[in-house]
Amino acid sequence: LSSEEYKTLMKKRSTECETVFGQTKGNLGFRRFHLRGKEKVGTEWGLLMLGYDFRQLIRLMNT
């Protein structure tokens, strides 16, 4: 856990995927799934990420 390779990997991870989860929880207010079952949760997560992607696309188009 204290190797340089691990530190580099964790730094990369924090900028790539952790921000998505943080923004989903903080900005979109998503705290729990409303449906049950892997397939339904996958569908709900997919729709949530589709909305997230659209928001990012709109943000990029306006700059």
N, C-alpha and C. Protein backbone atom coordinates (compact mmCIF):
# COMPACT_ATOMS: atom_id res chain seq x y z
N LEU A 1 0.80 -1.21 0.00
CA LEU A 1 0.00 0.00 0.00
C LEU A 1 0.84 1.27 0.00
N SER A 2 2.08 1.15 0.42
CA SER A 2 2.91 2.35 0.48
C SER A 2 3.85 2.48 -0.72
N SER A 3 3.68 1.63 -1.72
CA SER A 3 4.56 1.70 -2.89
C SER A 3 4.19 2.90 -3.77
N GLU A 4 5.11 3.33 -4.56
CA GLU A 4 4.88 4.47 -5.46
C GLU A 4 3.85 4.13 -6.53
N GLU A 5 3.86 2.89 -6.99
CA GLU A 5 2.88 2.47 -8.01
C GLU A 5 1.46 2.58 -7.47
N TYR A 6 1.25 2.17 -6.22
CA TYR A 6 -0.07 2.26 -5.60
C TYR A 6 -0.50 3.71 -5.43
N LYS A 7 0.42 4.55 -4.99
CA LYS A 7 0.09 5.96 -4.80
C LYS A 7 -0.29 6.62 -6.12
N THR A 8 0.43 6.27 -7.19
CA THR A 8 0.12 6.81 -8.51
C THR A 8 -1.26 6.34 -8.98
N LEU A 9 -1.54 5.06 -8.76
CA LEU A 9 -2.84 4.50 -9.16
C LEU A 9 -3.99 5.16 -8.41
N MET A 10 -3.83 5.36 -7.12
CA MET A 10 -4.89 5.97 -6.32
C MET A 10 -5.09 7.44 -6.69
N LYS A 11 -4.02 8.13 -7.02
CA LYS A 11 -4.15 9.53 -7.44
C LYS A 11 -4.91 9.61 -8.75
N LYS A 12 -4.61 8.70 -9.67
CA LYS A 12 -5.31 8.67 -10.96
C LYS A 12 -6.78 8.33 -10.76
N ARG A 13 -7.06 7.38 -9.87
CA ARG A 13 -8.44 6.98 -9.62
C ARG A 13 -9.24 8.12 -9.02
N SER A 14 -8.64 8.87 -8.13
CA SER A 14 -9.38 9.95 -7.47
C SER A 14 -9.82 11.02 -8.46
N THR A 15 -9.07 11.22 -9.51
CA THR A 15 -9.46 12.23 -10.49
C THR A 15 -10.37 11.68 -11.57
N GLU A 16 -10.38 10.37 -11.78
CA GLU A 16 -11.18 9.80 -12.86
C GLU A 16 -12.58 9.41 -12.42
N CYS A 17 -12.70 8.56 -11.42
CA CYS A 17 -14.03 8.03 -11.12
C CYS A 17 -14.64 8.56 -9.83
N GLU A 18 -13.83 8.93 -8.86
CA GLU A 18 -14.40 9.38 -7.58
C GLU A 18 -15.18 10.67 -7.74
N THR A 19 -14.81 11.51 -8.68
CA THR A 19 -15.55 12.76 -8.87
C THR A 19 -16.96 12.50 -9.36
N VAL A 20 -17.14 11.47 -10.16
CA VAL A 20 -18.48 11.13 -10.67
C VAL A 20 -19.38 10.75 -9.51
N PHE A 21 -18.90 9.91 -8.60
CA PHE A 21 -19.70 9.50 -7.46
C PHE A 21 -19.98 10.67 -6.53
N GLY A 22 -19.00 11.51 -6.33
CA GLY A 22 -19.18 12.68 -5.47
C GLY A 22 -20.20 13.65 -6.04
N GLN A 23 -20.13 13.91 -7.32
CA GLN A 23 -21.09 14.81 -7.95
C GLN A 23 -22.48 14.19 -8.00
N THR A 24 -22.54 12.89 -8.19
CA THR A 24 -23.84 12.21 -8.20
C THR A 24 -24.52 12.33 -6.85
N LYS A 25 -23.75 12.15 -5.79
CA LYS A 25 -24.31 12.26 -4.45
C LYS A 25 -24.56 13.70 -4.05
N GLY A 26 -23.60 14.56 -4.30
CA GLY A 26 -23.71 15.93 -3.84
C GLY A 26 -24.61 16.81 -4.68
N ASN A 27 -24.36 16.85 -5.97
CA ASN A 27 -25.09 17.76 -6.85
C ASN A 27 -26.44 17.23 -7.28
N LEU A 28 -26.52 15.93 -7.54
CA LEU A 28 -27.79 15.36 -7.99
C LEU A 28 -28.64 14.84 -6.85
N GLY A 29 -28.05 14.73 -5.66
CA GLY A 29 -28.81 14.28 -4.49
C GLY A 29 -29.18 12.81 -4.51
N PHE A 30 -28.42 12.02 -5.26
CA PHE A 30 -28.72 10.59 -5.37
C PHE A 30 -28.04 9.84 -4.24
N ARG A 31 -28.81 9.28 -3.33
CA ARG A 31 -28.26 8.58 -2.17
C ARG A 31 -28.57 7.09 -2.17
N ARG A 32 -29.69 6.70 -2.77
CA ARG A 32 -30.03 5.27 -2.78
C ARG A 32 -30.87 4.93 -4.00
N PHE A 33 -30.84 3.66 -4.36
CA PHE A 33 -31.61 3.19 -5.50
C PHE A 33 -33.07 3.00 -5.09
N HIS A 34 -33.97 3.24 -6.02
CA HIS A 34 -35.39 3.11 -5.75
C HIS A 34 -35.93 1.75 -6.15
N LEU A 35 -35.17 1.02 -6.95
CA LEU A 35 -35.62 -0.28 -7.44
C LEU A 35 -34.77 -1.38 -6.83
N ARG A 36 -35.23 -2.62 -6.95
CA ARG A 36 -34.50 -3.77 -6.42
C ARG A 36 -34.14 -4.72 -7.55
N GLY A 37 -33.04 -5.42 -7.36
CA GLY A 37 -32.59 -6.38 -8.35
C GLY A 37 -31.46 -5.80 -9.20
N LYS A 38 -30.53 -6.68 -9.57
CA LYS A 38 -29.36 -6.22 -10.34
C LYS A 38 -29.74 -5.55 -11.64
N GLU A 39 -30.66 -6.14 -12.35
CA GLU A 39 -31.02 -5.59 -13.67
C GLU A 39 -31.69 -4.23 -13.53
N LYS A 40 -32.59 -4.09 -12.58
CA LYS A 40 -33.28 -2.82 -12.39
C LYS A 40 -32.33 -1.75 -11.86
N VAL A 41 -31.45 -2.13 -10.95
CA VAL A 41 -30.46 -1.18 -10.43
C VAL A 41 -29.52 -0.75 -11.55
N GLY A 42 -29.13 -1.70 -12.40
CA GLY A 42 -28.28 -1.36 -13.54
C GLY A 42 -28.96 -0.38 -14.48
N THR A 43 -30.25 -0.58 -14.69
CA THR A 43 -31.01 0.33 -15.55
C THR A 43 -31.11 1.71 -14.91
N GLU A 44 -31.39 1.73 -13.61
CA GLU A 44 -31.49 3.02 -12.91
C GLU A 44 -30.15 3.76 -12.93
N TRP A 45 -29.06 3.03 -12.69
CA TRP A 45 -27.74 3.65 -12.71
C TRP A 45 -27.40 4.15 -14.12
N GLY A 46 -27.77 3.36 -15.13
CA GLY A 46 -27.52 3.77 -16.51
C GLY A 46 -28.24 5.05 -16.86
N LEU A 47 -29.48 5.18 -16.44
CA LEU A 47 -30.23 6.40 -16.70
C LEU A 47 -29.64 7.59 -15.95
N LEU A 48 -29.20 7.34 -14.73
CA LEU A 48 -28.57 8.40 -13.95
C LEU A 48 -27.29 8.87 -14.63
N MET A 49 -26.49 7.95 -15.12
CA MET A 49 -25.23 8.31 -15.78
C MET A 49 -25.49 8.95 -17.14
N LEU A 50 -26.56 8.56 -17.79
CA LEU A 50 -26.93 9.22 -19.04
C LEU A 50 -27.24 10.69 -18.79
N GLY A 51 -27.99 10.97 -17.72
CA GLY A 51 -28.28 12.35 -17.34
C GLY A 51 -27.01 13.10 -16.97
N TYR A 52 -26.11 12.43 -16.25
CA TYR A 52 -24.83 13.04 -15.89
C TYR A 52 -24.03 13.40 -17.13
N ASP A 53 -23.99 12.48 -18.10
CA ASP A 53 -23.26 12.73 -19.35
C ASP A 53 -23.86 13.89 -20.13
N PHE A 54 -25.19 13.98 -20.16
CA PHE A 54 -25.83 15.10 -20.85
C PHE A 54 -25.48 16.43 -20.19
N ARG A 55 -25.45 16.43 -18.87
CA ARG A 55 -25.07 17.65 -18.16
C ARG A 55 -23.64 18.06 -18.51
N GLN A 56 -22.74 17.09 -18.58
CA GLN A 56 -21.36 17.39 -18.93
C GLN A 56 -21.26 17.89 -20.37
N LEU A 57 -22.03 17.29 -21.28
CA LEU A 57 -22.03 17.69 -22.67
C LEU A 57 -22.52 19.12 -22.83
N ILE A 58 -23.60 19.44 -22.13
CA ILE A 58 -24.15 20.81 -22.19
C ILE A 58 -23.12 21.79 -21.63
N ARG A 59 -22.47 21.42 -20.52
CA ARG A 59 -21.46 22.29 -19.92
C ARG A 59 -20.32 22.54 -20.91
N LEU A 60 -19.90 21.50 -21.62
CA LEU A 60 -18.81 21.66 -22.58
C LEU A 60 -19.24 22.48 -23.80
N MET A 61 -20.48 22.34 -24.20
CA MET A 61 -20.96 23.08 -25.37
C MET A 61 -21.10 24.58 -25.07
N ASN A 62 -21.35 24.92 -23.81
CA ASN A 62 -21.54 26.32 -23.44
C ASN A 62 -20.23 27.05 -23.20
N THR A 63 -19.12 26.33 -23.19
CA THR A 63 -17.85 27.02 -22.94
C THR A 63 -17.14 27.38 -24.21
